[in-house]
Amino acid sequence: MKMRTTIFAGILLVANTATASDHKITAVTFQRCTTQAKCSDIARWSETAQISPPRDIRVMATIVNSASYSDEFFLLTTTECIVTPLYAYSVADFERLKLGNEVSWSELTKDDDMRTFVLHRLRRATKRNVTLRVVNLQKTLRNSHSDQTDYMWPWLVRVTAILINRQGQTVSTGSGILELAPSSERTKGLTEKPAPP
């Protein structure tokens, strides 16, 4: 009886592992869209005075169902930023900041940073691109500091997608990071902490 129980538990473990690997978030990307249908992936957004940078950035997740059956899932989305004073870092420090060893990821208090919806009819053996959210970068910049004199800047925006099955189990997780580069006009003269007024 003990051997049967062990074999049965092993079969369940293999089945659960196979099921989890059948449904995957393969990418989370940021897109700049000039029209509803014409979009291109971006990894870095630059604030420039010469051109008008896009205000709204669409965040997409690519979800693959390689199973032999269709199913429905919950899709949970969270958004975090790394915010520091402008004088503390520069665009050369993006890779350091991504490690999270020096500055922690945090939520912007005024941002709608957690969303969830049902992913209906994820058909078998298909891939689907899903819009997770649209990030309004003007709001992100505004929400990253309490006033215009504290010199704070959101260097990185990270959006994480979590795929949850009907049993409440996480079957896949994926994240994408967008770099936000301030303009030279904004960082001019900020190589060290500004003197108090």
Protein backbone atom coordinates (compact mmCIF):
# COMPACT_ATOMS: atom_id res chain seq x y z
CA MET A 1 0.00 0.00 0.00
CA LYS A 2 2.86 2.37 0.85
CA MET A 3 4.50 1.67 -2.52
CA ARG A 4 1.23 2.44 -4.37
CA THR A 5 0.90 5.72 -2.49
CA THR A 6 4.47 6.68 -3.38
CA ILE A 7 3.95 5.85 -7.06
CA PHE A 8 0.66 7.78 -7.12
CA ALA A 9 2.30 10.81 -5.50
CA GLY A 10 5.11 10.64 -8.05
CA ILE A 11 2.60 10.55 -10.92
CA LEU A 12 0.81 13.60 -9.48
CA LEU A 13 4.12 15.46 -9.16
CA VAL A 14 5.03 14.75 -12.78
CA ALA A 15 1.54 15.74 -13.94
CA ASN A 16 1.64 19.03 -12.04
CA THR A 17 5.11 19.81 -13.37
CA ALA A 18 4.02 19.09 -16.94
CA THR A 19 0.91 21.22 -16.57
CA ALA A 20 2.90 24.16 -15.22
CA SER A 21 5.33 24.02 -18.11
CA ASP A 22 2.53 23.84 -20.70
CA HIS A 23 1.45 27.42 -20.03
CA LYS A 24 4.15 30.08 -20.06
CA ILE A 25 4.61 33.83 -20.10
CA THR A 26 7.45 33.96 -22.60
CA ALA A 27 7.91 37.76 -22.73
CA VAL A 28 6.81 41.05 -21.20
CA THR A 29 7.61 43.96 -23.51
CA PHE A 30 7.04 47.72 -23.74
CA GLN A 31 5.73 49.23 -26.96
CA ARG A 32 5.55 52.69 -28.46
CA CYS A 33 2.48 52.99 -30.68
CA THR A 34 1.99 55.61 -33.36
CA THR A 35 -1.42 54.13 -34.26
CA GLN A 36 -3.54 51.41 -32.70
CA ALA A 37 -2.04 48.82 -35.07
CA LYS A 38 1.48 50.23 -35.58
CA CYS A 39 3.66 49.55 -32.54
CA SER A 40 7.34 48.87 -31.95
CA ASP A 41 9.15 47.44 -28.94
CA ILE A 42 11.30 49.77 -26.88
CA ALA A 43 13.74 49.07 -24.06
CA ARG A 44 14.55 52.69 -23.20
CA TRP A 45 12.44 55.84 -23.13
CA SER A 46 14.35 59.11 -23.46
CA GLU A 47 13.16 62.51 -22.34
CA THR A 48 14.30 64.96 -25.01
CA ALA A 49 13.68 68.61 -25.79
CA GLN A 50 14.10 68.15 -29.56
CA ILE A 51 11.20 65.76 -30.12
CA SER A 52 8.01 64.94 -28.33
CA PRO A 53 8.57 61.59 -26.59
CA PRO A 54 5.58 59.22 -26.34
CA ARG A 55 3.50 59.78 -23.23
CA ASP A 56 1.75 56.40 -23.17
CA ILE A 57 3.65 53.12 -23.37
CA ARG A 58 1.77 49.86 -23.90
CA VAL A 59 2.89 46.82 -21.92
CA MET A 60 2.37 43.46 -23.62
CA ALA A 61 2.74 39.86 -22.43
CA THR A 62 3.20 36.91 -24.75
CA ILE A 63 1.52 33.79 -23.34
CA VAL A 64 1.97 30.33 -24.86
CA ASN A 65 -0.31 27.35 -24.31
CA SER A 66 1.50 24.25 -25.56
CA ALA A 67 -0.94 21.88 -23.84
CA SER A 68 -3.39 19.67 -25.70
CA TYR A 69 -6.37 21.40 -24.08
CA SER A 70 -7.81 24.92 -23.74
CA ASP A 71 -8.17 26.63 -20.39
CA GLU A 72 -8.82 29.90 -18.57
CA PHE A 73 -6.50 31.72 -16.19
CA PHE A 74 -6.23 34.71 -13.91
CA LEU A 75 -3.58 37.20 -15.00
CA LEU A 76 -2.20 39.41 -12.23
CA THR A 77 -0.09 42.45 -13.10
CA THR A 78 2.08 44.51 -10.75
CA THR A 79 4.15 47.61 -11.50
CA GLU A 80 7.21 48.80 -9.58
CA CYS A 81 9.82 51.51 -10.04
CA ILE A 82 13.32 52.32 -8.89
CA VAL A 83 13.31 55.98 -7.85
CA THR A 84 16.42 57.84 -6.71
CA PRO A 85 17.70 61.42 -6.72
CA LEU A 86 18.94 62.52 -10.14
CA TYR A 87 22.37 63.37 -8.76
CA ALA A 88 22.90 59.83 -7.36
CA TYR A 89 22.83 57.89 -10.65
CA SER A 90 23.03 58.34 -14.41
CA VAL A 91 22.08 56.43 -17.57
CA ALA A 92 25.40 54.58 -17.22
CA ASP A 93 24.04 52.92 -14.05
CA PHE A 94 20.99 51.13 -15.49
CA GLU A 95 22.54 47.65 -15.18
CA ARG A 96 23.61 48.33 -11.58
CA LEU A 97 20.12 49.51 -10.69
CA LYS A 98 18.50 46.45 -12.27
CA LEU A 99 20.35 44.21 -9.84
CA GLY A 100 18.43 45.79 -6.96
CA ASN A 101 21.38 45.58 -4.60
CA GLU A 102 21.68 49.32 -4.04
CA VAL A 103 18.10 50.58 -4.43
CA SER A 104 14.93 48.59 -3.83
CA TRP A 105 11.98 48.29 -6.17
CA SER A 106 8.90 50.06 -4.84
CA GLU A 107 5.36 50.99 -5.80
CA LEU A 108 4.35 54.55 -6.62
CA THR A 109 1.57 55.38 -4.19
CA LYS A 110 -0.58 57.19 -6.77
CA ASP A 111 -0.13 54.59 -9.52
CA ASP A 112 -2.69 51.90 -10.32
CA ASP A 113 0.06 49.35 -9.88
CA MET A 114 -1.90 46.12 -9.34
CA ARG A 115 -4.43 44.74 -11.82
CA THR A 116 -6.07 41.39 -12.41
CA PHE A 117 -8.35 39.98 -15.07
CA VAL A 118 -9.48 36.64 -16.44
CA LEU A 119 -7.75 35.31 -19.52
CA HIS A 120 -10.60 33.58 -21.34
CA ARG A 121 -10.29 30.67 -23.75
CA LEU A 122 -6.54 30.28 -23.98
CA ARG A 123 -6.76 27.75 -26.79
CA ARG A 124 -4.53 24.71 -27.01
CA ALA A 125 -1.29 24.94 -28.95
CA THR A 126 -1.56 28.71 -29.44
CA LYS A 127 0.28 31.90 -28.54
CA ARG A 128 -1.54 35.05 -27.45
CA ASN A 129 -0.35 38.63 -26.99
CA VAL A 130 -2.17 40.33 -24.13
CA THR A 131 -2.16 44.02 -23.19
CA LEU A 132 -1.31 44.18 -19.49
CA ARG A 133 -1.65 47.94 -19.08
CA VAL A 134 -0.77 51.32 -20.54
CA VAL A 135 1.83 53.27 -18.56
CA ASN A 136 1.35 57.03 -18.67
CA LEU A 137 4.91 58.26 -18.27
CA GLN A 138 3.90 61.83 -17.47
CA LYS A 139 2.01 60.48 -14.45
CA THR A 140 4.92 58.21 -13.55
CA LEU A 141 7.31 61.17 -13.55
CA ARG A 142 4.86 63.31 -11.59
CA ASN A 143 4.15 60.57 -9.02
CA SER A 144 7.83 59.82 -8.41
CA HIS A 145 8.37 63.01 -6.42
CA SER A 146 6.33 65.14 -4.07
CA ASP A 147 7.36 68.46 -5.62
CA GLN A 148 9.49 69.84 -8.44
CA THR A 149 12.49 70.64 -6.23
CA ASP A 150 13.38 67.23 -4.77
CA TYR A 151 15.18 66.01 -7.92
CA MET A 152 13.78 62.47 -7.82
CA TRP A 153 13.69 60.35 -10.97
CA PRO A 154 12.14 56.93 -11.78
CA TRP A 155 15.07 55.30 -13.58
CA LEU A 156 13.39 51.94 -14.16
CA VAL A 157 9.82 50.71 -14.50
CA ARG A 158 9.23 46.97 -14.01
CA VAL A 159 5.95 45.28 -14.92
CA THR A 160 5.47 41.70 -13.73
CA ALA A 161 2.79 39.34 -15.05
CA ILE A 162 1.70 36.30 -13.04
CA LEU A 163 -0.39 33.53 -14.62
CA ILE A 164 -2.62 31.75 -12.09
CA ASN A 165 -4.73 28.65 -12.79
CA ARG A 166 -8.23 27.85 -11.52
CA GLN A 167 -6.78 26.19 -8.41
CA GLY A 168 -4.99 29.39 -7.42
CA GLN A 169 -1.54 28.06 -8.33
CA THR A 170 1.04 30.24 -10.03
CA VAL A 171 1.99 28.48 -13.28
CA SER A 172 4.22 31.14 -14.83
CA THR A 173 5.76 34.53 -14.09
CA GLY A 174 7.44 37.04 -16.38
CA SER A 175 8.79 40.58 -16.04
CA GLY A 176 9.83 43.38 -18.35
CA ILE A 177 11.89 46.47 -17.51
CA LEU A 178 11.75 49.86 -19.21
CA GLU A 179 14.65 52.27 -18.75
CA LEU A 180 13.75 55.97 -18.36
CA ALA A 181 16.54 58.33 -19.38
CA PRO A 182 16.28 61.97 -18.24
CA SER A 183 17.18 64.79 -20.60
CA SER A 184 20.54 66.52 -20.34
CA GLU A 185 18.68 69.74 -19.48
CA ARG A 186 17.16 68.05 -16.44
CA THR A 187 20.45 66.61 -15.19
CA LYS A 188 22.62 69.62 -16.00
CA GLY A 189 24.52 70.71 -12.93
CA LEU A 190 23.28 67.78 -10.82
CA THR A 191 26.52 65.87 -10.35
CA GLU A 192 26.20 66.30 -6.61
CA LYS A 193 23.47 66.87 -4.06
CA PRO A 194 21.97 70.37 -4.47
CA ALA A 195 22.49 72.77 -1.60
CA PRO A 196 19.41 73.44 0.56
CA PRO A 197 17.52 76.65 -0.26
